[in-house]
Amino acid sequence: MSPIPSDPAGHHDNILMAEISALNQQLGQYVLRFLAADALQAEPMSPQAERDLADQVAKVADGMPARAVQRELEGDPALLIQSCSSDEQP
């Protein structure tokens, strides 16, 4: 059995996409909490929790330019999902 080829760029893309997805969920909850607090149906988020969320946004945002530079230098990593109905290879 041959070893699975290493794809560091693809691995980093997977991590970044997972972080963006998790952050997207947290931002959605933040908006809903804000709206509920505005309607006096919930307590507003604490200032510390808001700062923590902002730190997470900044961390994920910092990863995006690094991905763009890598793509400029090395091209796009291998596709994660390919169509099963297509016989064409990229």
Protein backbone atom coordinates (compact mmCIF):
# COMPACT_ATOMS: atom_id res chain seq x y z
CA MET A 1 0.00 0.00 0.00
CA SER A 2 1.47 3.34 -1.02
CA PRO A 3 1.48 6.28 1.39
CA ILE A 4 -1.04 9.07 0.87
CA PRO A 5 0.73 12.03 -0.74
CA SER A 6 1.20 15.03 1.50
CA ASP A 7 -0.60 18.24 0.56
CA PRO A 8 0.35 20.93 3.08
CA ALA A 9 -1.47 23.66 1.13
CA GLY A 10 -4.66 21.61 1.07
CA HIS A 11 -4.31 20.85 4.76
CA HIS A 12 -3.93 24.55 5.59
CA ASP A 13 -6.94 25.33 3.37
CA ASN A 14 -9.01 22.76 5.29
CA ILE A 15 -8.03 24.31 8.61
CA LEU A 16 -8.80 27.83 7.38
CA MET A 17 -12.19 26.79 5.97
CA ALA A 18 -13.07 25.03 9.25
CA GLU A 19 -12.13 28.15 11.21
CA ILE A 20 -14.16 30.36 8.86
CA SER A 21 -17.17 28.04 9.15
CA ALA A 22 -17.02 27.99 12.96
CA LEU A 23 -16.60 31.75 13.05
CA ASN A 24 -19.51 32.22 10.67
CA GLN A 25 -21.73 30.34 13.11
CA GLN A 26 -20.51 32.47 16.02
CA LEU A 27 -21.11 35.67 14.05
CA GLY A 28 -24.65 34.53 13.24
CA GLN A 29 -25.28 33.91 16.94
CA TYR A 30 -23.79 37.34 17.70
CA VAL A 31 -26.22 39.04 15.32
CA LEU A 32 -29.19 37.10 16.70
CA ARG A 33 -28.16 37.92 20.27
CA PHE A 34 -27.81 41.61 19.34
CA LEU A 35 -31.28 41.65 17.81
CA ALA A 36 -32.78 39.84 20.80
CA ALA A 37 -31.12 42.28 23.21
CA ASP A 38 -32.35 45.20 21.10
CA ALA A 39 -35.87 43.81 21.42
CA LEU A 40 -35.35 43.40 25.20
CA GLN A 41 -35.70 39.62 24.88
CA ALA A 42 -32.16 38.74 26.01
CA GLU A 43 -29.21 40.22 27.82
CA PRO A 44 -26.63 41.82 25.54
CA MET A 45 -23.30 40.09 25.04
CA SER A 46 -20.71 41.15 27.57
CA PRO A 47 -18.00 43.55 26.37
CA GLN A 48 -15.38 40.87 27.07
CA ALA A 49 -17.23 38.27 24.99
CA GLU A 50 -17.51 40.83 22.19
CA ARG A 51 -13.75 41.50 22.36
CA ASP A 52 -13.06 37.75 22.33
CA LEU A 53 -15.19 37.37 19.20
CA ALA A 54 -13.38 40.30 17.59
CA ASP A 55 -10.05 38.61 18.34
CA GLN A 56 -11.28 35.44 16.63
CA VAL A 57 -12.39 37.45 13.59
CA ALA A 58 -8.94 39.09 13.39
CA LYS A 59 -7.18 35.72 13.71
CA VAL A 60 -9.15 34.19 10.86
CA ALA A 61 -8.78 37.33 8.76
CA ASP A 62 -5.00 37.12 9.19
CA GLY A 63 -5.01 33.67 7.58
CA MET A 64 -6.70 34.80 4.39
CA PRO A 65 -3.87 36.96 2.95
CA ALA A 66 -1.41 34.11 3.60
CA ARG A 67 -3.64 31.80 1.56
CA ALA A 68 -3.82 34.34 -1.28
CA VAL A 69 -0.02 34.69 -1.35
CA GLN A 70 0.41 30.92 -1.40
CA ARG A 71 -2.04 30.61 -4.29
CA GLU A 72 -0.17 33.32 -6.21
CA LEU A 73 3.16 31.55 -5.70
CA GLU A 74 2.15 27.90 -6.01
CA GLY A 75 -1.28 27.89 -7.63
CA ASP A 76 -4.45 26.48 -6.19
CA PRO A 77 -4.20 23.34 -4.05
CA ALA A 78 -5.89 20.17 -5.26
CA LEU A 79 -9.68 20.22 -5.25
CA LEU A 80 -11.27 18.87 -2.10
CA ILE A 81 -14.53 17.92 -3.79
CA GLN A 82 -14.84 16.82 -7.39
CA SER A 83 -17.99 16.05 -9.31
CA CYS A 84 -18.70 12.32 -9.57
CA SER A 85 -20.71 12.85 -12.75
CA SER A 86 -17.88 14.45 -14.70
CA ASP A 87 -15.18 12.49 -16.49
CA GLU A 88 -13.14 15.66 -16.98
CA GLN A 89 -10.09 16.23 -14.84
CA PRO A 90 -9.03 19.80 -13.98
